[in-house]
Protein backbone atom coordinates (compact mmCIF):
# COMPACT_ATOMS: atom_id res chain seq x y z
CA MET A 1 -39.48 13.20 -53.99
CA LYS A 2 -36.03 13.80 -55.13
CA GLN A 3 -35.47 16.92 -52.96
CA ILE A 4 -36.21 13.80 -50.11
CA ASN A 5 -33.95 11.50 -51.35
CA PHE A 6 -31.29 13.35 -51.95
CA PHE A 7 -31.47 15.27 -48.56
CA LEU A 8 -31.29 11.15 -47.11
CA VAL A 9 -28.25 10.41 -49.25
CA ILE A 10 -26.88 13.34 -47.43
CA VAL A 11 -27.75 12.26 -43.65
CA ILE A 12 -26.21 8.80 -44.84
CA ALA A 13 -23.08 9.77 -45.99
CA LEU A 14 -22.60 11.86 -42.72
CA ILE A 15 -23.41 9.05 -40.56
CA ALA A 16 -21.24 7.21 -42.70
CA LEU A 17 -18.65 10.20 -42.76
CA VAL A 18 -18.22 11.58 -39.46
CA PRO A 19 -16.73 8.89 -37.56
CA ILE A 20 -13.58 9.75 -39.55
CA VAL A 21 -13.30 12.75 -37.34
CA LEU A 22 -14.03 11.17 -34.19
CA PRO A 23 -11.00 10.14 -32.09
CA SER A 24 -10.19 6.24 -32.83
CA ARG A 25 -9.25 5.50 -29.41
CA PHE A 26 -8.96 6.95 -26.08
CA ASP A 27 -6.08 7.25 -24.27
CA GLU A 28 -5.79 9.57 -21.36
CA LYS A 29 -3.39 10.09 -18.38
CA PHE A 30 -4.59 12.08 -15.48
CA GLU A 31 -3.58 12.11 -11.25
CA HIS A 32 -4.83 12.87 -8.28
CA GLU A 33 -3.70 13.07 -4.67
CA PHE A 34 -5.16 11.34 -1.86
CA ASP A 35 -4.98 12.49 1.93
CA ALA A 36 -3.84 8.92 2.93
CA PRO A 37 -0.88 6.93 3.17
CA ILE A 38 0.56 4.83 -0.22
CA GLY A 39 -0.31 1.22 1.71
CA LEU A 40 -3.99 2.20 1.99
CA VAL A 41 -4.53 3.81 -1.72
CA TYR A 42 -2.39 1.33 -3.24
CA ASP A 43 -4.70 -1.57 -1.35
CA GLU A 44 -7.49 -0.08 -2.76
CA PHE A 45 -6.65 -0.52 -6.73
CA TYR A 46 -4.67 -3.67 -6.04
CA ASN A 47 -7.63 -5.33 -4.11
CA LEU A 48 -10.12 -6.16 -7.04
CA ARG A 49 -13.13 -6.12 -4.08
CA GLN A 50 -12.01 -2.76 -2.38
CA PHE A 51 -12.02 -1.80 -6.43
CA SER A 52 -15.57 -2.45 -7.19
CA LYS A 53 -16.77 -0.54 -4.39
CA TRP A 54 -15.72 2.84 -5.54
CA GLN A 55 -15.32 2.45 -9.17
CA GLN A 56 -17.98 4.26 -11.59
CA PHE A 57 -17.51 2.28 -14.62
CA THR A 58 -20.46 -0.15 -14.08
CA ALA A 59 -22.36 1.89 -11.05
CA SER A 60 -25.03 3.22 -13.57
CA ASP A 61 -26.80 -0.60 -13.67
CA SER A 62 -27.34 -1.77 -9.97
CA LEU A 63 -28.13 -5.19 -11.59
CA THR A 64 -24.75 -5.68 -12.51
CA VAL A 65 -23.27 -9.18 -11.47
CA LYS A 66 -20.02 -9.23 -10.57
CA LYS A 67 -17.72 -12.13 -10.16
CA PHE A 68 -13.80 -12.47 -8.19
CA SER A 69 -11.22 -14.79 -8.64
CA ASN A 70 -10.44 -16.85 -5.91
CA LYS A 71 -7.02 -16.90 -4.24
CA ASN A 72 -6.75 -19.73 -3.09
CA GLU A 73 -7.57 -21.72 -6.71
CA ASP A 74 -6.77 -19.34 -9.39
CA GLU A 75 -3.70 -17.90 -10.79
CA GLU A 76 -4.73 -14.42 -12.13
CA ASN A 77 -6.36 -11.65 -10.07
CA TYR A 78 -9.58 -10.20 -11.63
CA MET A 79 -13.02 -9.37 -11.97
CA ILE A 80 -15.89 -10.49 -14.41
CA TRP A 81 -19.22 -8.11 -14.67
CA ASP A 82 -21.56 -8.93 -16.47
CA SER A 83 -24.77 -6.49 -17.22
CA GLU A 84 -27.69 -5.90 -19.91
CA ASN A 85 -27.39 -2.24 -19.74
CA ALA A 86 -25.62 -1.35 -23.48
CA SER A 87 -23.58 1.89 -21.33
CA VAL A 88 -22.12 -1.14 -18.65
CA ALA A 89 -21.60 -4.21 -21.02
CA SER A 90 -19.69 -7.00 -19.65
CA GLY A 91 -15.74 -7.92 -19.51
CA LYS A 92 -13.17 -9.08 -17.55
CA ILE A 93 -10.70 -6.85 -15.85
CA THR A 94 -7.39 -8.38 -14.75
CA VAL A 95 -4.19 -7.40 -12.42
CA ASP A 96 -1.67 -8.15 -14.97
CA ASN A 97 1.43 -6.85 -13.08
CA PHE A 98 2.05 -5.09 -9.95
CA SER A 99 4.94 -4.25 -7.52
CA ILE A 100 3.64 -3.86 -4.12
CA ASN A 101 3.07 0.21 -2.99
CA ASN A 102 4.31 1.08 -6.18
CA PHE A 103 2.01 0.29 -9.20
CA VAL A 104 -0.82 -1.89 -10.56
CA ASN A 105 -0.93 -2.44 -14.24
CA TYR A 106 -4.29 -3.77 -15.96
CA THR A 107 -5.78 -5.66 -18.71
CA ILE A 108 -9.32 -4.81 -19.85
CA LYS A 109 -11.23 -6.92 -21.99
CA TYR A 110 -14.91 -6.17 -23.24
CA ASP A 111 -17.02 -8.99 -24.36
CA GLY A 112 -16.98 -8.69 -28.35
CA TRP A 113 -14.18 -6.92 -28.87
CA GLU A 114 -10.95 -8.72 -30.32
CA LYS A 115 -8.40 -6.52 -28.32
CA LEU A 116 -7.44 -5.36 -24.50
CA ASP A 117 -7.63 -1.74 -23.29
CA SER A 118 -4.76 -1.41 -20.57
CA LEU A 119 -5.11 0.64 -17.63
CA ASN A 120 -1.25 1.59 -15.34
CA VAL A 121 -1.60 3.23 -12.07
CA GLN A 122 1.55 4.26 -10.16
CA PHE A 123 1.65 5.59 -6.85
CA VAL A 124 3.76 7.90 -5.32
CA GLN A 125 4.24 9.01 -1.84
CA GLU A 126 4.74 13.02 -0.69
CA GLU A 127 6.57 13.90 2.31
CA ASN A 128 3.68 15.52 4.19
CA GLY A 129 2.43 11.66 4.30
CA LYS A 130 0.02 11.77 1.06
CA THR A 131 -0.34 9.72 -1.83
CA ILE A 132 -0.30 10.51 -5.43
CA ALA A 133 -2.22 8.06 -7.87
CA ARG A 134 -0.70 8.75 -11.42
CA LEU A 135 -3.47 6.65 -14.21
CA ASN A 136 -2.59 6.07 -17.50
CA TYR A 137 -5.45 4.45 -19.81
CA LEU A 138 -4.48 3.08 -22.85
CA SER A 139 -7.62 2.56 -25.18
CA GLN A 140 -7.59 -0.69 -28.00
CA ASP A 141 -8.20 0.70 -31.55
CA ILE A 142 -11.87 1.46 -31.53
CA PRO A 143 -14.46 0.16 -34.31
CA TYR A 144 -15.09 2.27 -37.14
CA PHE A 145 -19.37 3.01 -35.89
CA TYR A 146 -18.83 2.49 -31.99
CA ARG A 147 -16.82 5.60 -32.17
CA TYR A 148 -20.15 7.87 -31.63
CA PHE A 149 -21.05 5.90 -28.56
CA SER A 150 -17.41 5.78 -27.50
CA PHE A 151 -17.38 9.89 -27.89
CA PHE A 152 -20.13 10.32 -25.51
CA LYS A 153 -18.67 7.73 -22.73
CA ASN A 154 -15.42 9.09 -22.69
CA PRO A 155 -13.37 7.12 -19.89
CA LYS A 156 -11.95 10.12 -18.11
CA SER A 157 -14.88 11.46 -16.93
CA LYS A 158 -15.78 8.26 -15.35
CA PHE A 159 -12.58 7.57 -13.64
CA GLU A 160 -12.64 11.37 -12.27
CA GLU A 161 -15.89 10.23 -10.50
CA SER A 162 -14.01 7.02 -9.22
CA MET A 163 -11.52 9.29 -7.86
CA ASP A 164 -14.37 11.16 -5.90
CA HIS A 165 -15.91 8.24 -4.25
CA LEU A 166 -12.33 6.88 -4.08
CA ASN A 167 -11.25 9.86 -2.13
CA ASN A 168 -14.10 9.36 0.34
CA GLN A 169 -13.54 5.70 1.09
CA VAL A 170 -10.08 5.86 2.14
CA LYS A 171 -11.24 8.60 4.29
CA VAL A 172 -13.57 6.12 6.33
CA ARG A 173 -11.37 2.99 5.97
CA LEU A 174 -8.35 5.22 7.37
CA ASP A 175 -10.35 6.36 10.32
CA LYS A 176 -11.96 2.69 11.09
CA ASP A 177 -8.19 2.04 11.14
CA LYS A 178 -7.27 4.41 13.11
CA LYS A 179 -9.63 3.65 15.74
CA GLU A 180 -8.65 -0.05 15.08
CA GLY A 181 -5.28 0.39 16.19
CA LYS A 182 -4.25 -0.96 12.62
CA LEU A 183 -1.16 0.80 11.49
CA ASN A 184 -0.99 1.38 7.39
CA TYR A 185 2.46 1.29 5.44
CA GLY A 186 3.00 4.92 4.85
CA GLU A 187 1.71 6.27 7.40
CA TYR A 188 2.90 8.32 10.03
CA ARG A 189 1.39 8.53 13.74
CA ILE A 190 2.37 11.03 16.29
CA VAL A 191 1.74 8.64 19.29
CA GLU A 192 2.09 9.05 23.32
CA PHE A 193 3.92 6.30 24.23
CA SER A 194 4.34 4.72 27.86
CA LYS A 195 7.51 3.59 29.18
CA VAL A 196 8.64 0.39 28.65
CA ASN A 197 11.05 -1.72 30.90
CA LEU A 198 13.16 -4.33 28.38
CA LEU A 199 15.01 -7.28 29.31
CA ALA A 200 17.95 -6.69 26.59
CA ILE A 201 21.72 -7.30 25.65
CA LYS A 202 24.01 -4.47 24.32
CA LYS A 203 25.09 -4.27 21.23
CA GLN A 204 27.41 -2.46 19.22
CA SER A 205 27.53 -3.26 15.09
CA LYS A 206 28.87 -1.17 11.83
CA LEU A 207 26.45 0.47 10.20
CA SER A 208 25.30 -2.63 8.14
CA GLU A 209 21.78 -4.33 8.22
CA LYS A 210 23.55 -7.74 7.58
CA ASP A 211 26.10 -6.90 10.61
CA ILE A 212 23.07 -5.27 12.73
CA MET A 213 21.06 -8.72 12.14
CA ASN A 214 23.57 -10.72 12.74
CA ASP A 215 24.25 -9.08 16.50
CA ILE A 216 20.59 -9.16 16.84
CA ASP A 217 19.79 -12.98 15.95
CA ASN A 218 22.67 -13.68 18.90
CA ALA A 219 21.31 -11.28 21.66
CA PHE A 220 18.19 -12.83 21.16
CA GLY A 221 19.61 -16.63 21.29
CA THR A 222 21.22 -15.61 24.41
CA ILE A 223 17.88 -14.52 25.90
CA TYR A 224 16.15 -17.40 24.63
CA LYS A 225 18.55 -20.01 26.02
CA SER A 226 18.70 -18.45 28.99
CA LEU A 227 14.95 -18.49 29.41
CA ALA A 228 14.49 -22.20 28.43
CA ASN A 229 12.95 -24.50 30.31
CA LYS A 230 14.62 -28.33 30.89
CA GLU A 231 12.65 -29.35 27.45
CA GLY A 232 14.16 -26.27 25.87
CA GLY A 233 10.62 -24.46 25.27
CA VAL A 234 9.71 -21.29 26.97
CA ASP A 235 7.20 -21.30 29.94
CA PHE A 236 5.51 -17.88 29.14
CA ASP A 237 4.87 -15.89 25.85
CA LEU A 238 8.15 -13.64 24.96
CA GLY A 239 6.23 -11.65 23.01
CA PHE A 240 7.00 -9.04 20.16
CA PRO A 241 11.27 -8.56 20.00
CA TYR A 242 12.06 -5.07 20.78
CA ILE A 243 15.30 -2.88 19.36
CA TYR A 244 16.15 0.31 20.86
CA TYR A 245 18.73 1.84 18.90
CA THR A 246 20.43 4.88 21.48
CA ASP A 247 23.22 6.36 19.51
CA PHE A 248 24.58 6.47 16.12
CA ASN A 249 27.87 7.74 14.67
CA LYS A 250 29.65 7.63 11.67
CA ASP A 251 30.29 4.35 11.03
CA LYS A 252 28.47 2.07 14.51
CA VAL A 253 25.02 2.29 15.50
CA THR A 254 24.59 0.96 19.27
CA PHE A 255 21.31 -0.67 20.14
CA PHE A 256 19.18 -3.09 22.97
CA ALA A 257 17.82 -5.92 21.67
CA GLY A 258 15.19 -7.63 23.82
CA ILE A 259 12.32 -8.63 25.40
CA GLN A 260 9.46 -6.59 27.43
CA LEU A 261 10.56 -7.19 31.07
CA ILE A 262 8.72 -9.40 33.23
CA GLU A 263 8.37 -9.10 36.78
CA ASP A 264 10.58 -11.72 39.10
CA LEU A 265 12.62 -12.81 35.75
CA PRO A 266 16.54 -12.79 36.54
CA LEU A 267 19.00 -10.67 34.66
CA GLN A 268 21.75 -13.23 33.39
CA ARG A 269 24.76 -13.50 31.38
CA GLU A 270 24.98 -9.35 29.78
CA MET A 271 21.20 -9.08 30.27
CA LYS A 272 20.22 -5.22 31.44
CA LYS A 273 17.40 -3.88 32.21
CA VAL A 274 16.54 -0.78 29.80
CA VAL A 275 14.29 1.57 30.14
CA VAL A 276 12.58 3.08 27.04
CA PRO A 277 11.38 6.58 27.93
CA LYS A 278 7.73 7.50 27.67
CA GLY A 279 6.72 10.68 25.64
CA GLN A 280 5.63 11.75 22.34
CA TYR A 281 7.19 9.52 19.47
CA LEU A 282 6.58 9.33 15.60
CA LEU A 283 5.39 6.34 14.40
CA SER A 284 5.00 4.73 10.88
CA LEU A 285 5.40 1.11 9.54
CA HIS A 286 7.94 -0.74 8.05
CA LEU A 287 7.49 -3.13 5.31
CA GLY A 288 10.08 -5.46 3.17
CA PRO A 289 13.46 -6.04 3.43
CA ARG A 290 15.69 -5.40 6.59
CA SER A 291 18.13 -3.57 3.49
CA LYS A 292 15.28 -1.28 2.78
CA ARG A 293 14.43 -0.43 6.42
CA GLN A 294 16.66 3.17 6.17
CA GLN A 295 14.45 4.41 3.72
CA THR A 296 11.77 4.18 6.06
CA VAL A 297 13.42 6.17 8.62
CA ASP A 298 14.25 8.44 6.14
CA LYS A 299 11.09 9.02 5.04
CA MET A 300 9.88 9.36 8.71
CA LYS A 301 12.68 12.19 8.89
CA ASN A 302 11.33 13.80 5.53
CA TYR A 303 7.63 13.95 6.89
CA ALA A 304 9.12 15.26 10.37
CA LYS A 305 10.72 18.35 8.45
CA SER A 306 7.30 18.93 6.48
CA LYS A 307 5.40 19.43 9.53
CA LYS A 308 8.34 20.90 11.57
CA LEU A 309 8.89 18.47 14.32
CA GLN A 310 12.05 17.67 15.91
CA LEU A 311 13.08 14.05 16.31
CA LEU A 312 15.63 12.45 19.05
CA ASP A 313 18.41 10.40 17.31
CA LYS A 314 17.66 7.39 19.24
CA GLN A 315 14.76 4.88 17.53
CA LEU A 316 12.68 1.92 18.78
CA GLU A 317 11.80 -1.01 16.39
CA VAL A 318 9.57 -3.56 17.35
CA MET A 319 9.06 -6.26 15.00
CA LEU A 320 6.27 -8.11 13.92
CA ASN A 321 7.46 -11.25 12.65
CA ASP A 322 10.05 -13.06 12.26
CA PRO A 323 13.09 -12.76 9.91
CA LYS A 324 13.91 -16.20 9.80
CA GLU A 325 10.47 -17.57 8.82
CA THR A 326 8.69 -14.80 6.92
CA ASP A 327 9.58 -13.73 3.16
CA SER A 328 11.88 -10.72 3.39
CA VAL A 329 9.07 -9.11 1.02
CA LYS A 330 6.38 -9.55 3.88
CA LEU A 331 8.59 -8.11 7.13
CA LYS A 332 6.82 -5.62 9.19
CA SER A 333 8.27 -3.43 12.04
CA ARG A 334 6.90 -0.67 13.49
CA ILE A 335 9.48 2.22 14.07
CA TYR A 336 9.29 4.92 16.35
CA ILE A 337 11.18 8.39 16.79
CA PRO A 338 11.18 10.49 19.93
CA ILE A 339 9.76 13.74 19.42
CA LYS A 340 11.57 16.86 20.60
CA LYS A 341 9.91 18.47 23.30
């Protein structure tokens, strides 16, 4: 009997003391490379509805209930999950901070735990168009006896499983976007471009986006006034604005700003008919302020170099929204650079 009691004392002592040598927190750093553009990968992390499809932390319980924030009603961007499975538990993940296509910071609150875990994900685009996601997970201090449970539920393995699922998801989504003609930020495509006839005005500006945009505004203002009816409106859809850059030198750029030429449209004032030739072009999407447009062009050139493509000096830009009416962060344009045969 004394031996049994002694044995029980030893077991209880071991149970009480073992957590001392177990990790008191789980801080993990790791990265994953995706063969996908940075804009698509970023969206999979920032959009928590997308995030919920591939994350594996709640996957073991198919009955987990999830609730998402409403963009129109909630200031926070969050997902709440509720599970009766002890290994999944319940809690809330919130996007605490973000920079579009650069990083997303999360806080994670588990029900019944006082402090927060945090997750930082940084995104880096490589010259070849692939994206690296760098994840840094910082846990709260784990309560003493919870260390047994946490030791066998190390979050790193769940993140690795999640990245494998996300890798498959971005491939499916990228294929779908290509079929639908959608272009993601950071994506590069070699496309067959058909000849386009433009009704345009020739301008020469200093190599400054501010000067270029002033000349572009003046050119489109002239075109609009010449096509306006007596009421001051236009009788047809002008379509997207085109800017065809034809010559770059040390301190100036020559370009034509205009619209697609419509049959029987008379040429007035400074207007000219300009032909953008057909051929193979490298296409990418610029997203953000005009002041950062050159960064997109530089990335396209780096991509071309990594793929051993030779680009010509000309550029065609199709503006997808109005700089005067759109927040600079949300400005979009498609940039085409012809590929040398």
